[in-house]
Amino acid sequence: MPPTASTRRTTVNSPRKRRVDVARREDLLRQVQEIFLREGFTTLTIGQLTERLHCSKATLYSVAATKEQLVVLATKQFFGESAEHIEAEVSAQADPQAKILTYLGGVATAMRRNSKAFYEDMVAFAPTAEIYARNTARAAERVRELIDEGIESGRFRATDGRFASQLVALAIEGVQSGVLLERTGLSAADAFNELATLLLNGLLHNAE
């Protein structure tokens, strides 16, 4: 059946999306991520992004159909790439305590890439707040796993390990909820760094 006039109009007026290869798409998304991490995303428009990226709107819309989807993709990319890098550093460590310190130090380093503007935008926007909550919950779980490994290997006493596991979980939950940050005045990055410092100073060290 030939297209009707209304169908033809819809076809003509529909926005065209430019096909972009995977490598170019990932590069654009990474550039968008860096802009968001530095400046936040609430006030930035698609037009401003295309000017900064020297690309057309059609090209940017090939990465995500809306600005909101672009924000979500960039946030997921940030947490995903950070987790991959941290786990690579952890896997290079043999000592259980070093693994935990490396993990928390890696989280602190990753969160330090967040500007105050991005962090505030992230926790205020429901989809990105959910991504953040999911990743901080995973961080607490991962530290518990590493502590359990230390207990099983005999590096940590079971009582010390279980206490530290609960302490770390509560601290990470406090960071994610904002309660710990509000009460201490620390940023998320500084809070994770302080937590690592506490462990480094002997919380999990077996006295001789």
N, C-alpha and C. Protein backbone atom coordinates (compact mmCIF):
# COMPACT_ATOMS: atom_id res chain seq x y z
N MET A 1 0.85 -1.20 0.00
CA MET A 1 0.00 0.00 0.00
C MET A 1 0.88 1.24 0.00
N PRO A 2 0.63 2.21 -0.91
CA PRO A 2 1.45 3.42 -0.96
C PRO A 2 1.21 4.27 0.27
N PRO A 3 2.19 5.01 0.72
CA PRO A 3 2.02 5.83 1.92
C PRO A 3 1.01 6.93 1.69
N THR A 4 0.22 7.23 2.70
CA THR A 4 -0.74 8.32 2.64
C THR A 4 0.00 9.63 2.81
N ALA A 5 -0.73 10.72 2.60
CA ALA A 5 -0.12 12.05 2.75
C ALA A 5 0.38 12.25 4.18
N SER A 6 -0.46 11.80 5.15
CA SER A 6 -0.06 11.99 6.54
C SER A 6 1.17 11.17 6.87
N THR A 7 1.25 9.94 6.27
CA THR A 7 2.43 9.11 6.50
C THR A 7 3.66 9.76 5.92
N ARG A 8 3.50 10.35 4.72
CA ARG A 8 4.64 11.01 4.08
C ARG A 8 5.11 12.19 4.90
N ARG A 9 4.14 12.93 5.47
CA ARG A 9 4.52 14.09 6.28
C ARG A 9 5.30 13.63 7.51
N THR A 10 4.83 12.54 8.12
CA THR A 10 5.51 12.03 9.30
C THR A 10 6.94 11.63 8.97
N THR A 11 7.09 11.00 7.81
CA THR A 11 8.42 10.57 7.40
C THR A 11 9.33 11.75 7.14
N VAL A 12 8.78 12.77 6.46
CA VAL A 12 9.59 13.94 6.13
C VAL A 12 9.96 14.73 7.37
N ASN A 13 9.03 14.83 8.33
CA ASN A 13 9.26 15.67 9.50
C ASN A 13 10.00 14.96 10.63
N SER A 14 10.16 13.64 10.53
CA SER A 14 10.84 12.91 11.60
C SER A 14 12.31 13.29 11.63
N PRO A 15 12.86 13.50 12.85
CA PRO A 15 14.27 13.85 12.94
C PRO A 15 15.13 12.68 12.48
N ARG A 16 16.14 13.00 11.71
CA ARG A 16 17.03 11.95 11.20
C ARG A 16 18.19 11.77 12.17
N LYS A 17 18.49 10.50 12.44
CA LYS A 17 19.62 10.19 13.31
C LYS A 17 20.79 9.74 12.45
N ARG A 18 21.93 10.29 12.73
CA ARG A 18 23.12 9.93 11.98
C ARG A 18 23.72 8.66 12.56
N ARG A 19 24.10 7.75 11.68
CA ARG A 19 24.76 6.53 12.12
C ARG A 19 26.20 6.85 12.52
N VAL A 20 26.58 6.42 13.72
CA VAL A 20 27.93 6.67 14.22
C VAL A 20 28.52 5.33 14.65
N ASP A 21 29.79 5.06 14.26
CA ASP A 21 30.38 3.79 14.62
C ASP A 21 30.60 3.72 16.13
N VAL A 22 30.77 2.50 16.62
CA VAL A 22 30.85 2.25 18.06
C VAL A 22 31.98 3.04 18.72
N ALA A 23 33.15 3.06 18.09
CA ALA A 23 34.29 3.76 18.66
C ALA A 23 34.01 5.25 18.80
N ARG A 24 33.41 5.85 17.79
CA ARG A 24 33.08 7.27 17.82
C ARG A 24 32.03 7.54 18.89
N ARG A 25 31.07 6.65 19.00
CA ARG A 25 30.01 6.79 20.00
C ARG A 25 30.59 6.76 21.41
N GLU A 26 31.49 5.80 21.66
CA GLU A 26 32.10 5.69 22.98
C GLU A 26 32.95 6.91 23.30
N ASP A 27 33.64 7.42 22.29
CA ASP A 27 34.48 8.60 22.48
C ASP A 27 33.63 9.82 22.82
N LEU A 28 32.51 9.99 22.10
CA LEU A 28 31.61 11.10 22.40
C LEU A 28 31.04 11.00 23.79
N LEU A 29 30.62 9.80 24.16
CA LEU A 29 30.04 9.60 25.49
C LEU A 29 31.07 9.89 26.58
N ARG A 30 32.31 9.50 26.32
CA ARG A 30 33.36 9.76 27.31
C ARG A 30 33.63 11.27 27.43
N GLN A 31 33.59 11.98 26.32
CA GLN A 31 33.76 13.43 26.37
C GLN A 31 32.60 14.09 27.12
N VAL A 32 31.39 13.61 26.86
CA VAL A 32 30.23 14.12 27.58
C VAL A 32 30.38 13.85 29.07
N GLN A 33 30.83 12.64 29.41
CA GLN A 33 31.04 12.28 30.81
C GLN A 33 31.99 13.27 31.48
N GLU A 34 33.10 13.59 30.83
CA GLU A 34 34.08 14.50 31.41
C GLU A 34 33.49 15.89 31.63
N ILE A 35 32.68 16.35 30.69
CA ILE A 35 32.03 17.66 30.84
C ILE A 35 31.08 17.63 32.03
N PHE A 36 30.27 16.59 32.13
CA PHE A 36 29.32 16.47 33.23
C PHE A 36 30.04 16.40 34.57
N LEU A 37 31.12 15.61 34.64
CA LEU A 37 31.85 15.46 35.89
C LEU A 37 32.44 16.79 36.35
N ARG A 38 32.87 17.62 35.41
CA ARG A 38 33.45 18.92 35.75
C ARG A 38 32.41 19.95 36.12
N GLU A 39 31.27 19.92 35.40
CA GLU A 39 30.34 21.05 35.50
C GLU A 39 28.93 20.71 35.95
N GLY A 40 28.63 19.43 36.11
CA GLY A 40 27.25 19.04 36.37
C GLY A 40 26.50 18.96 35.06
N PHE A 41 25.22 18.61 35.13
CA PHE A 41 24.48 18.44 33.88
C PHE A 41 23.13 19.16 33.83
N THR A 42 22.68 19.67 34.95
CA THR A 42 21.34 20.27 34.98
C THR A 42 21.20 21.46 34.05
N THR A 43 22.19 22.33 34.04
CA THR A 43 22.07 23.57 33.27
C THR A 43 22.57 23.46 31.84
N LEU A 44 23.26 22.39 31.50
CA LEU A 44 23.79 22.23 30.15
C LEU A 44 22.70 21.78 29.18
N THR A 45 22.70 22.36 28.00
CA THR A 45 21.73 21.98 26.97
C THR A 45 22.42 21.15 25.89
N ILE A 46 21.63 20.46 25.10
CA ILE A 46 22.18 19.68 23.99
C ILE A 46 22.93 20.60 23.02
N GLY A 47 22.37 21.79 22.78
CA GLY A 47 23.04 22.75 21.90
C GLY A 47 24.41 23.13 22.41
N GLN A 48 24.53 23.37 23.71
CA GLN A 48 25.83 23.72 24.29
C GLN A 48 26.81 22.56 24.18
N LEU A 49 26.30 21.34 24.38
CA LEU A 49 27.17 20.17 24.28
C LEU A 49 27.70 20.00 22.86
N THR A 50 26.82 20.17 21.87
CA THR A 50 27.28 20.00 20.48
C THR A 50 28.33 21.04 20.11
N GLU A 51 28.19 22.25 20.63
CA GLU A 51 29.19 23.28 20.37
C GLU A 51 30.53 22.89 21.00
N ARG A 52 30.48 22.37 22.21
CA ARG A 52 31.69 21.98 22.91
C ARG A 52 32.36 20.77 22.26
N LEU A 53 31.53 19.86 21.75
CA LEU A 53 32.04 18.63 21.17
C LEU A 53 32.34 18.75 19.68
N HIS A 54 31.95 19.89 19.09
CA HIS A 54 32.14 20.13 17.65
C HIS A 54 31.47 19.04 16.82
N CYS A 55 30.23 18.76 17.17
CA CYS A 55 29.46 17.77 16.41
C CYS A 55 28.04 18.29 16.22
N SER A 56 27.28 17.62 15.37
CA SER A 56 25.90 18.03 15.14
C SER A 56 24.98 17.41 16.18
N LYS A 57 23.77 17.94 16.28
CA LYS A 57 22.78 17.36 17.19
C LYS A 57 22.44 15.94 16.75
N ALA A 58 22.38 15.73 15.42
CA ALA A 58 22.08 14.39 14.91
C ALA A 58 23.12 13.39 15.39
N THR A 59 24.39 13.80 15.40
CA THR A 59 25.45 12.91 15.86
C THR A 59 25.29 12.60 17.34
N LEU A 60 25.00 13.63 18.14
CA LEU A 60 24.84 13.43 19.58
C LEU A 60 23.60 12.59 19.88
N TYR A 61 22.54 12.79 19.10
CA TYR A 61 21.33 11.99 19.31
C TYR A 61 21.53 10.54 18.88
N SER A 62 22.60 10.26 18.15
CA SER A 62 22.90 8.87 17.83
C SER A 62 23.46 8.14 19.05
N VAL A 63 23.96 8.93 20.01
CA VAL A 63 24.47 8.36 21.26
C VAL A 63 23.32 8.11 22.23
N ALA A 64 22.41 9.06 22.33
CA ALA A 64 21.23 8.94 23.20
C ALA A 64 20.13 9.81 22.63
N ALA A 65 18.90 9.34 22.74
CA ALA A 65 17.78 10.03 22.11
C ALA A 65 17.38 11.32 22.83
N THR A 66 17.71 11.43 24.12
CA THR A 66 17.37 12.62 24.89
C THR A 66 18.54 13.00 25.80
N LYS A 67 18.49 14.20 26.32
CA LYS A 67 19.53 14.63 27.25
C LYS A 67 19.50 13.76 28.49
N GLU A 68 18.31 13.42 28.98
CA GLU A 68 18.19 12.60 30.18
C GLU A 68 18.85 11.24 29.98
N GLN A 69 18.64 10.65 28.80
CA GLN A 69 19.27 9.36 28.51
C GLN A 69 20.78 9.50 28.42
N LEU A 70 21.23 10.64 27.90
CA LEU A 70 22.66 10.91 27.80
C LEU A 70 23.28 11.00 29.19
N VAL A 71 22.58 11.66 30.09
CA VAL A 71 23.05 11.78 31.48
C VAL A 71 23.17 10.40 32.12
N VAL A 72 22.15 9.58 31.93
CA VAL A 72 22.16 8.24 32.52
C VAL A 72 23.29 7.39 31.95
N LEU A 73 23.46 7.44 30.63
CA LEU A 73 24.53 6.66 29.99
C LEU A 73 25.91 7.11 30.47
N ALA A 74 26.11 8.42 30.56
CA ALA A 74 27.40 8.94 31.00
C ALA A 74 27.69 8.56 32.45
N THR A 75 26.66 8.58 33.29
CA THR A 75 26.82 8.22 34.70
C THR A 75 27.15 6.73 34.83
N LYS A 76 26.43 5.90 34.07
CA LYS A 76 26.72 4.46 34.08
C LYS A 76 28.13 4.18 33.59
N GLN A 77 28.55 4.91 32.56
CA GLN A 77 29.89 4.72 32.02
C GLN A 77 30.93 5.08 33.07
N PHE A 78 30.72 6.17 33.79
CA PHE A 78 31.65 6.60 34.83
C PHE A 78 31.81 5.52 35.90
N PHE A 79 30.70 5.03 36.43
CA PHE A 79 30.78 4.03 37.50
C PHE A 79 31.32 2.70 36.97
N GLY A 80 30.92 2.33 35.76
CA GLY A 80 31.39 1.07 35.19
C GLY A 80 32.89 1.06 34.95
N GLU A 81 33.39 2.12 34.32
CA GLU A 81 34.82 2.21 34.06
C GLU A 81 35.63 2.33 35.35
N SER A 82 35.09 3.06 36.32
CA SER A 82 35.79 3.20 37.61
C SER A 82 35.89 1.85 38.30
N ALA A 83 34.79 1.09 38.31
CA ALA A 83 34.79 -0.22 38.96
C ALA A 83 35.78 -1.16 38.29
N GLU A 84 35.83 -1.13 36.97
CA GLU A 84 36.75 -1.99 36.23
C GLU A 84 38.20 -1.66 36.57
N HIS A 85 38.51 -0.36 36.64
CA HIS A 85 39.87 0.07 36.96
C HIS A 85 40.23 -0.31 38.40
N ILE A 86 39.32 -0.11 39.33
CA ILE A 86 39.58 -0.43 40.74
C ILE A 86 39.83 -1.93 40.92
N GLU A 87 38.99 -2.75 40.30
CA GLU A 87 39.14 -4.20 40.43
C GLU A 87 40.46 -4.68 39.85
N ALA A 88 40.92 -4.03 38.78
CA ALA A 88 42.22 -4.39 38.21
C ALA A 88 43.34 -4.11 39.20
N GLU A 89 43.24 -2.99 39.92
CA GLU A 89 44.25 -2.65 40.91
C GLU A 89 44.18 -3.60 42.11
N VAL A 90 42.97 -3.96 42.51
CA VAL A 90 42.79 -4.88 43.64
C VAL A 90 43.37 -6.25 43.31
N SER A 91 43.15 -6.71 42.10
CA SER A 91 43.62 -8.04 41.70
C SER A 91 45.15 -8.13 41.71
N ALA A 92 45.81 -7.00 41.65
CA ALA A 92 47.28 -6.99 41.65
C ALA A 92 47.85 -7.11 43.07
N GLN A 93 46.97 -7.03 44.08
CA GLN A 93 47.40 -7.12 45.47
C GLN A 93 47.22 -8.54 46.00
N ALA A 94 48.16 -8.97 46.83
CA ALA A 94 48.06 -10.32 47.41
C ALA A 94 47.54 -10.28 48.84
N ASP A 95 47.93 -9.27 49.59
CA ASP A 95 47.55 -9.18 51.00
C ASP A 95 46.11 -8.71 51.15
N PRO A 96 45.28 -9.37 51.98
CA PRO A 96 43.87 -9.00 52.15
C PRO A 96 43.67 -7.55 52.58
N GLN A 97 44.51 -7.09 53.51
CA GLN A 97 44.37 -5.70 53.96
C GLN A 97 44.71 -4.74 52.82
N ALA A 98 45.74 -5.05 52.06
CA ALA A 98 46.12 -4.21 50.94
C ALA A 98 45.01 -4.16 49.90
N LYS A 99 44.32 -5.27 49.71
CA LYS A 99 43.20 -5.30 48.77
C LYS A 99 42.11 -4.32 49.18
N ILE A 100 41.79 -4.32 50.48
CA ILE A 100 40.72 -3.44 50.98
C ILE A 100 41.14 -1.98 50.87
N LEU A 101 42.37 -1.70 51.27
CA LEU A 101 42.86 -0.32 51.19
C LEU A 101 42.92 0.16 49.74
N THR A 102 43.33 -0.73 48.86
CA THR A 102 43.39 -0.38 47.43
C THR A 102 41.98 -0.13 46.91
N TYR A 103 41.04 -0.95 47.33
CA TYR A 103 39.66 -0.79 46.86
C TYR A 103 39.08 0.56 47.33
N LEU A 104 39.17 0.83 48.61
CA LEU A 104 38.61 2.08 49.14
C LEU A 104 39.37 3.30 48.61
N GLY A 105 40.68 3.16 48.46
CA GLY A 105 41.45 4.25 47.88
C GLY A 105 41.05 4.51 46.44
N GLY A 106 40.76 3.43 45.71
CA GLY A 106 40.31 3.58 44.33
C GLY A 106 38.96 4.26 44.23
N VAL A 107 38.07 3.90 45.15
CA VAL A 107 36.75 4.55 45.17
C VAL A 107 36.91 6.05 45.46
N ALA A 108 37.78 6.37 46.43
CA ALA A 108 38.02 7.77 46.77
C ALA A 108 38.57 8.53 45.56
N THR A 109 39.51 7.93 44.85
CA THR A 109 40.09 8.57 43.67
C THR A 109 39.04 8.80 42.60
N ALA A 110 38.19 7.79 42.39
CA ALA A 110 37.14 7.92 41.37
C ALA A 110 36.15 9.02 41.75
N MET A 111 35.73 9.04 43.00
CA MET A 111 34.75 10.05 43.44
C MET A 111 35.34 11.45 43.43
N ARG A 112 36.65 11.52 43.54
CA ARG A 112 37.30 12.84 43.51
C ARG A 112 37.19 13.49 42.14
N ARG A 113 36.88 12.69 41.12
CA ARG A 113 36.67 13.25 39.78
C ARG A 113 35.35 14.02 39.70
N ASN A 114 34.46 13.78 40.65
CA ASN A 114 33.16 14.46 40.65
C ASN A 114 33.30 15.87 41.20
N SER A 115 32.87 16.84 40.43
CA SER A 115 32.79 18.20 40.96
C SER A 115 31.59 18.27 41.90
N LYS A 116 31.56 19.32 42.71
CA LYS A 116 30.43 19.52 43.62
C LYS A 116 29.13 19.65 42.81
N ALA A 117 29.22 20.31 41.67
CA ALA A 117 28.03 20.50 40.82
C ALA A 117 27.49 19.17 40.32
N PHE A 118 28.41 18.29 39.86
CA PHE A 118 27.95 17.00 39.36
C PHE A 118 27.35 16.16 40.48
N TYR A 119 28.02 16.14 41.63
CA TYR A 119 27.52 15.33 42.75
C TYR A 119 26.12 15.78 43.16
N GLU A 120 25.93 17.08 43.25
CA GLU A 120 24.62 17.60 43.64
C GLU A 120 23.56 17.28 42.59
N ASP A 121 23.92 17.40 41.31
CA ASP A 121 22.98 17.04 40.24
C ASP A 121 22.67 15.55 40.27
N MET A 122 23.69 14.75 40.50
CA MET A 122 23.53 13.29 40.49
C MET A 122 22.57 12.82 41.58
N VAL A 123 22.72 13.33 42.79
CA VAL A 123 21.86 12.86 43.88
C VAL A 123 20.46 13.48 43.82
N ALA A 124 20.32 14.56 43.05
CA ALA A 124 19.01 15.21 42.94
C ALA A 124 18.16 14.65 41.81
N PHE A 125 18.78 14.00 40.83
CA PHE A 125 18.07 13.45 39.67
C PHE A 125 17.82 11.97 39.92
N ALA A 126 16.57 11.57 39.98
CA ALA A 126 16.21 10.21 40.41
C ALA A 126 16.94 9.10 39.68
N PRO A 127 17.02 9.10 38.35
CA PRO A 127 17.71 8.00 37.66
C PRO A 127 19.20 7.87 38.03
N THR A 128 19.89 9.01 38.15
CA THR A 128 21.32 8.94 38.51
C THR A 128 21.49 8.67 40.00
N ALA A 129 20.57 9.16 40.82
CA ALA A 129 20.62 8.85 42.25
C ALA A 129 20.50 7.34 42.47
N GLU A 130 19.67 6.70 41.65
CA GLU A 130 19.49 5.24 41.75
C GLU A 130 20.77 4.52 41.33
N ILE A 131 21.43 5.02 40.28
CA ILE A 131 22.70 4.42 39.84
C ILE A 131 23.74 4.55 40.95
N TYR A 132 23.80 5.73 41.56
CA TYR A 132 24.75 5.97 42.65
C TYR A 132 24.47 5.05 43.83
N ALA A 133 23.20 4.92 44.21
CA ALA A 133 22.83 4.06 45.32
C ALA A 133 23.20 2.61 45.04
N ARG A 134 22.95 2.17 43.83
CA ARG A 134 23.26 0.80 43.44
C ARG A 134 24.77 0.54 43.53
N ASN A 135 25.56 1.50 43.10
CA ASN A 135 27.01 1.32 43.10
C ASN A 135 27.61 1.43 44.51
N THR A 136 27.06 2.27 45.35
CA THR A 136 27.58 2.35 46.72
C THR A 136 27.19 1.09 47.50
N ALA A 137 26.01 0.54 47.21
CA ALA A 137 25.61 -0.72 47.85
C ALA A 137 26.56 -1.83 47.42
N ARG A 138 26.94 -1.83 46.15
CA ARG A 138 27.89 -2.83 45.66
C ARG A 138 29.25 -2.63 46.30
N ALA A 139 29.65 -1.38 46.55
CA ALA A 139 30.93 -1.11 47.19
C ALA A 139 30.96 -1.69 48.60
N ALA A 140 29.87 -1.50 49.34
CA ALA A 140 29.78 -2.06 50.69
C ALA A 140 29.85 -3.58 50.64
N GLU A 141 29.16 -4.17 49.69
CA GLU A 141 29.17 -5.63 49.53
C GLU A 141 30.57 -6.12 49.17
N ARG A 142 31.25 -5.38 48.31
CA ARG A 142 32.59 -5.79 47.87
C ARG A 142 33.57 -5.76 49.02
N VAL A 143 33.49 -4.73 49.87
CA VAL A 143 34.39 -4.65 51.01
C VAL A 143 34.13 -5.81 51.98
N ARG A 144 32.85 -6.13 52.18
CA ARG A 144 32.51 -7.27 53.03
C ARG A 144 33.11 -8.56 52.47
N GLU A 145 33.06 -8.72 51.14
CA GLU A 145 33.64 -9.91 50.51
C GLU A 145 35.15 -9.97 50.75
N LEU A 146 35.81 -8.82 50.64
CA LEU A 146 37.26 -8.79 50.84
C LEU A 146 37.63 -9.07 52.29
N ILE A 147 36.82 -8.58 53.22
CA ILE A 147 37.06 -8.87 54.64
C ILE A 147 36.86 -10.35 54.92
N ASP A 148 35.80 -10.93 54.34
CA ASP A 148 35.56 -12.36 54.52
C ASP A 148 36.72 -13.19 53.99
N GLU A 149 37.30 -12.74 52.87
CA GLU A 149 38.47 -13.44 52.32
C GLU A 149 39.63 -13.39 53.30
N GLY A 150 39.78 -12.24 53.97
CA GLY A 150 40.85 -12.09 54.95
C GLY A 150 40.63 -12.97 56.16
N ILE A 151 39.38 -13.13 56.57
CA ILE A 151 39.06 -14.02 57.69
C ILE A 151 39.36 -15.47 57.33
N GLU A 152 38.93 -15.87 56.14
CA GLU A 152 39.14 -17.24 55.68
C GLU A 152 40.62 -17.58 55.53
N SER A 153 41.42 -16.60 55.16
CA SER A 153 42.85 -16.84 54.98
C SER A 153 43.61 -16.82 56.29
N GLY A 154 42.93 -16.37 57.37
CA GLY A 154 43.57 -16.28 58.67
C GLY A 154 44.28 -14.97 58.90
N ARG A 155 44.18 -14.04 57.95
CA ARG A 155 44.84 -12.73 58.09
C ARG A 155 44.12 -11.86 59.11
N PHE A 156 42.81 -11.98 59.19
CA PHE A 156 42.02 -11.20 60.14
C PHE A 156 41.38 -12.13 61.17
N ARG A 157 41.28 -11.65 62.40
CA ARG A 157 40.50 -12.38 63.39
C ARG A 157 39.03 -12.24 63.04
N ALA A 158 38.26 -13.27 63.25
CA ALA A 158 36.85 -13.26 62.84
C ALA A 158 36.08 -12.13 63.51
N THR A 159 36.32 -11.92 64.82
CA THR A 159 35.58 -10.87 65.53
C THR A 159 35.93 -9.49 64.99
N ASP A 160 37.22 -9.23 64.77
CA ASP A 160 37.65 -7.95 64.21
C ASP A 160 37.09 -7.76 62.80
N GLY A 161 37.15 -8.83 62.01
CA GLY A 161 36.69 -8.75 60.64
C GLY A 161 35.21 -8.45 60.54
N ARG A 162 34.41 -9.13 61.35
CA ARG A 162 32.96 -8.92 61.30
C ARG A 162 32.61 -7.50 61.75
N PHE A 163 33.30 -7.02 62.80
CA PHE A 163 33.04 -5.66 63.27
C PHE A 163 33.41 -4.65 62.20
N ALA A 164 34.58 -4.84 61.59
CA ALA A 164 35.03 -3.92 60.55
C ALA A 164 34.09 -3.96 59.35
N SER A 165 33.60 -5.14 59.04
CA SER A 165 32.68 -5.29 57.91
C SER A 165 31.42 -4.46 58.13
N GLN A 166 30.87 -4.53 59.33
CA GLN A 166 29.67 -3.75 59.64
C GLN A 166 29.98 -2.26 59.68
N LEU A 167 31.13 -1.91 60.23
CA LEU A 167 31.54 -0.50 60.31
C LEU A 167 31.67 0.11 58.92
N VAL A 168 32.33 -0.62 58.02
CA VAL A 168 32.52 -0.13 56.65
C VAL A 168 31.18 -0.01 55.95
N ALA A 169 30.32 -1.01 56.11
CA ALA A 169 29.00 -0.98 55.47
C ALA A 169 28.20 0.23 55.93
N LEU A 170 28.21 0.50 57.24
CA LEU A 170 27.47 1.64 57.78
C LEU A 170 28.05 2.95 57.28
N ALA A 171 29.39 3.02 57.19
CA ALA A 171 30.03 4.24 56.71
C ALA A 171 29.67 4.50 55.25
N ILE A 172 29.71 3.45 54.43
CA ILE A 172 29.38 3.62 53.02
C ILE A 172 27.92 4.00 52.84
N GLU A 173 27.04 3.40 53.63
CA GLU A 173 25.63 3.77 53.57
C GLU A 173 25.44 5.23 53.99
N GLY A 174 26.24 5.66 54.98
CA GLY A 174 26.16 7.05 55.42
C GLY A 174 26.63 8.02 54.36
N VAL A 175 27.63 7.61 53.60
CA VAL A 175 28.10 8.45 52.49
C VAL A 175 27.03 8.55 51.43
N GLN A 176 26.45 7.40 51.05
CA GLN A 176 25.45 7.37 49.99
C GLN A 176 24.21 8.19 50.36
N SER A 177 23.76 8.06 51.60
CA SER A 177 22.55 8.79 52.03
C SER A 177 22.82 10.27 52.21
N GLY A 178 24.09 10.64 52.40
CA GLY A 178 24.44 12.04 52.62
C GLY A 178 24.54 12.40 54.09
N VAL A 179 24.09 11.51 54.97
CA VAL A 179 24.09 11.81 56.41
C VAL A 179 25.51 12.01 56.92
N LEU A 180 26.40 11.10 56.56
CA LEU A 180 27.79 11.20 57.03
C LEU A 180 28.47 12.44 56.46
N LEU A 181 28.17 12.77 55.22
CA LEU A 181 28.78 13.95 54.60
C LEU A 181 28.29 15.23 55.27
N GLU A 182 26.99 15.26 55.57
CA GLU A 182 26.41 16.44 56.21
C GLU A 182 26.98 16.64 57.60
N ARG A 183 27.17 15.55 58.33
CA ARG A 183 27.64 15.65 59.72
C ARG A 183 29.13 15.94 59.82
N THR A 184 29.89 15.54 58.81
CA THR A 184 31.34 15.74 58.86
C THR A 184 31.84 16.88 57.99
N GLY A 185 31.04 17.28 57.01
CA GLY A 185 31.47 18.30 56.08
C GLY A 185 32.42 17.79 55.01
N LEU A 186 32.61 16.47 54.96
CA LEU A 186 33.51 15.87 53.97
C LEU A 186 32.78 15.65 52.65
N SER A 187 33.56 15.59 51.59
CA SER A 187 33.01 15.16 50.31
C SER A 187 32.96 13.64 50.31
N ALA A 188 32.29 13.04 49.32
CA ALA A 188 32.23 11.58 49.24
C ALA A 188 33.63 11.02 49.06
N ALA A 189 34.45 11.67 48.23
CA ALA A 189 35.82 11.20 48.00
C ALA A 189 36.63 11.23 49.28
N ASP A 190 36.52 12.32 50.04
CA ASP A 190 37.28 12.45 51.29
C ASP A 190 36.81 11.44 52.33
N ALA A 191 35.50 11.16 52.34
CA ALA A 191 34.97 10.19 53.29
C ALA A 191 35.53 8.79 53.03
N PHE A 192 35.58 8.39 51.75
CA PHE A 192 36.15 7.08 51.42
C PHE A 192 37.64 7.05 51.74
N ASN A 193 38.32 8.16 51.53
CA ASN A 193 39.75 8.23 51.82
C ASN A 193 40.00 8.11 53.32
N GLU A 194 39.17 8.77 54.13
CA GLU A 194 39.30 8.69 55.58
C GLU A 194 39.03 7.28 56.07
N LEU A 195 38.05 6.62 55.46
CA LEU A 195 37.75 5.25 55.83
C LEU A 195 38.94 4.35 55.55
N ALA A 196 39.57 4.54 54.41
CA ALA A 196 40.77 3.76 54.08
C ALA A 196 41.89 4.05 55.08
N THR A 197 42.02 5.31 55.49
CA THR A 197 43.06 5.69 56.44
C THR A 197 42.85 5.01 57.79
N LEU A 198 41.60 4.93 58.24
CA LEU A 198 41.30 4.25 59.50
C LEU A 198 41.76 2.80 59.44
N LEU A 199 41.48 2.16 58.33
CA LEU A 199 41.89 0.76 58.18
C LEU A 199 43.41 0.65 58.13
N LEU A 200 44.04 1.59 57.44
CA LEU A 200 45.49 1.58 57.31
C LEU A 200 46.15 1.74 58.67
N ASN A 201 45.53 2.49 59.55
CA ASN A 201 46.13 2.77 60.86
C ASN A 201 45.87 1.66 61.88
N GLY A 202 45.37 0.52 61.41
CA GLY A 202 45.36 -0.63 62.31
C GLY A 202 44.03 -1.22 62.66
N LEU A 203 42.95 -0.75 62.09
CA LEU A 203 41.64 -1.31 62.46
C LEU A 203 41.60 -2.80 62.21
N LEU A 204 42.22 -3.24 61.09
CA LEU A 204 42.18 -4.66 60.76
C LEU A 204 43.50 -5.35 61.02
N HIS A 205 44.43 -4.67 61.65
CA HIS A 205 45.76 -5.25 61.84
C HIS A 205 45.76 -6.16 63.05
N ASN A 206 46.26 -7.36 62.91
CA ASN A 206 46.38 -8.28 64.04
C ASN A 206 47.61 -7.93 64.87
N ALA A 207 47.37 -7.65 66.12
CA ALA A 207 48.51 -7.33 66.99
C ALA A 207 49.37 -8.57 67.21
N GLU A 208 50.65 -8.35 67.23
CA GLU A 208 51.59 -9.47 67.43
C GLU A 208 51.62 -9.85 68.90
